[in-house]
Amino acid sequence: MSTLEKTIILLQEMPEQSLESLYEFIRSIWVQKNVEPKQSAKRDDISKSMEGFNVLQSFAGTLPADFDYENELEEMREEKYARFN
């Protein structure tokens, strides 16, 4: 006799209230099992995001030592917004 057949016989002999509790328990296990792959996918997304962030960080510090941020910013603002003045 297979496990499934034994389980069916046992379920047929159980009182209705016990069946409801058992059903809820089995359902909660099934839901948890289906949620885990989604969490794994979320971890993969985070890993990809971190890889992208690491690529961006690799560009940090590549400006020349004499780079004048404020002057460059002001020049770019003038270039972009000169037509509005």
Protein backbone atom coordinates (compact mmCIF):
# COMPACT_ATOMS: atom_id res chain seq x y z
CA MET A 1 0.00 0.00 0.00
CA SER A 2 1.46 3.37 -1.04
CA THR A 3 1.86 6.36 1.23
CA LEU A 4 -0.90 8.15 -0.64
CA GLU A 5 -3.32 5.28 -0.10
CA LYS A 6 -2.46 5.10 3.62
CA THR A 7 -2.96 8.84 3.93
CA ILE A 8 -6.35 8.72 2.21
CA ILE A 9 -7.55 5.97 4.55
CA LEU A 10 -6.33 7.94 7.56
CA LEU A 11 -8.05 11.12 6.30
CA GLN A 12 -11.32 9.25 5.79
CA GLU A 13 -11.23 8.09 9.42
CA MET A 14 -10.41 11.52 10.91
CA PRO A 15 -13.12 13.77 12.39
CA GLU A 16 -14.04 16.85 10.33
CA GLN A 17 -12.51 19.35 12.78
CA SER A 18 -9.14 17.57 12.67
CA LEU A 19 -9.32 17.59 8.87
CA GLU A 20 -9.76 21.37 8.85
CA SER A 21 -6.71 21.85 11.07
CA LEU A 22 -4.68 19.45 8.95
CA TYR A 23 -5.79 21.19 5.78
CA GLU A 24 -4.67 24.59 7.11
CA PHE A 25 -1.33 23.12 8.15
CA ILE A 26 -0.72 21.54 4.73
CA ARG A 27 -1.80 24.72 3.01
CA SER A 28 0.64 26.83 5.06
CA ILE A 29 3.49 24.47 4.15
CA TRP A 30 2.54 24.67 0.47
CA VAL A 31 2.40 28.48 0.56
CA GLN A 32 5.84 28.68 2.20
CA LYS A 33 7.28 26.36 -0.41
CA ASN A 34 5.93 28.54 -3.21
CA VAL A 35 7.22 31.76 -1.59
CA GLU A 36 10.85 30.59 -1.31
CA PRO A 37 11.59 30.73 -5.07
CA LYS A 38 10.31 34.32 -5.18
CA GLN A 39 12.71 35.24 -2.37
CA SER A 40 15.50 33.56 -4.30
CA ALA A 41 14.62 35.66 -7.34
CA LYS A 42 14.68 38.74 -5.14
CA ARG A 43 18.18 37.79 -3.95
CA ASP A 44 19.25 37.42 -7.60
CA ASP A 45 17.90 40.90 -8.37
CA ILE A 46 19.83 42.32 -5.43
CA SER A 47 22.98 40.54 -6.63
CA LYS A 48 22.59 42.07 -10.10
CA SER A 49 22.01 45.48 -8.55
CA MET A 50 25.13 45.14 -6.45
CA GLU A 51 27.16 44.15 -9.52
CA GLY A 52 25.96 47.28 -11.28
CA PHE A 53 26.77 49.37 -8.23
CA ASN A 54 30.29 47.91 -8.13
CA VAL A 55 30.76 48.85 -11.79
CA LEU A 56 29.73 52.41 -10.98
CA GLN A 57 32.08 52.50 -8.02
CA SER A 58 34.94 51.44 -10.27
CA PHE A 59 34.61 54.83 -12.01
CA ALA A 60 35.05 56.73 -8.75
CA GLY A 61 38.28 58.66 -8.46
CA THR A 62 39.00 58.68 -12.22
CA LEU A 63 38.91 62.48 -12.53
CA PRO A 64 42.17 64.40 -12.77
CA ALA A 65 43.56 65.78 -9.53
CA ASP A 66 43.11 69.38 -10.74
CA PHE A 67 39.43 68.93 -11.69
CA ASP A 68 37.40 71.94 -10.58
CA TYR A 69 33.90 70.63 -9.92
CA GLU A 70 32.32 74.00 -9.16
CA ASN A 71 33.73 75.61 -12.31
CA GLU A 72 32.62 72.67 -14.49
CA LEU A 73 29.15 72.75 -12.96
CA GLU A 74 28.80 76.47 -13.56
CA GLU A 75 29.94 76.12 -17.20
CA MET A 76 27.45 73.30 -17.82
CA ARG A 77 24.64 75.32 -16.25
CA GLU A 78 25.45 78.32 -18.42
CA GLU A 79 25.56 76.14 -21.51
CA LYS A 80 22.27 74.41 -20.71
CA TYR A 81 20.25 77.35 -19.41
CA ALA A 82 21.78 80.32 -21.34
CA ARG A 83 18.81 80.48 -23.68
CA PHE A 84 16.47 81.19 -20.76
CA ASN A 85 18.35 84.33 -19.64
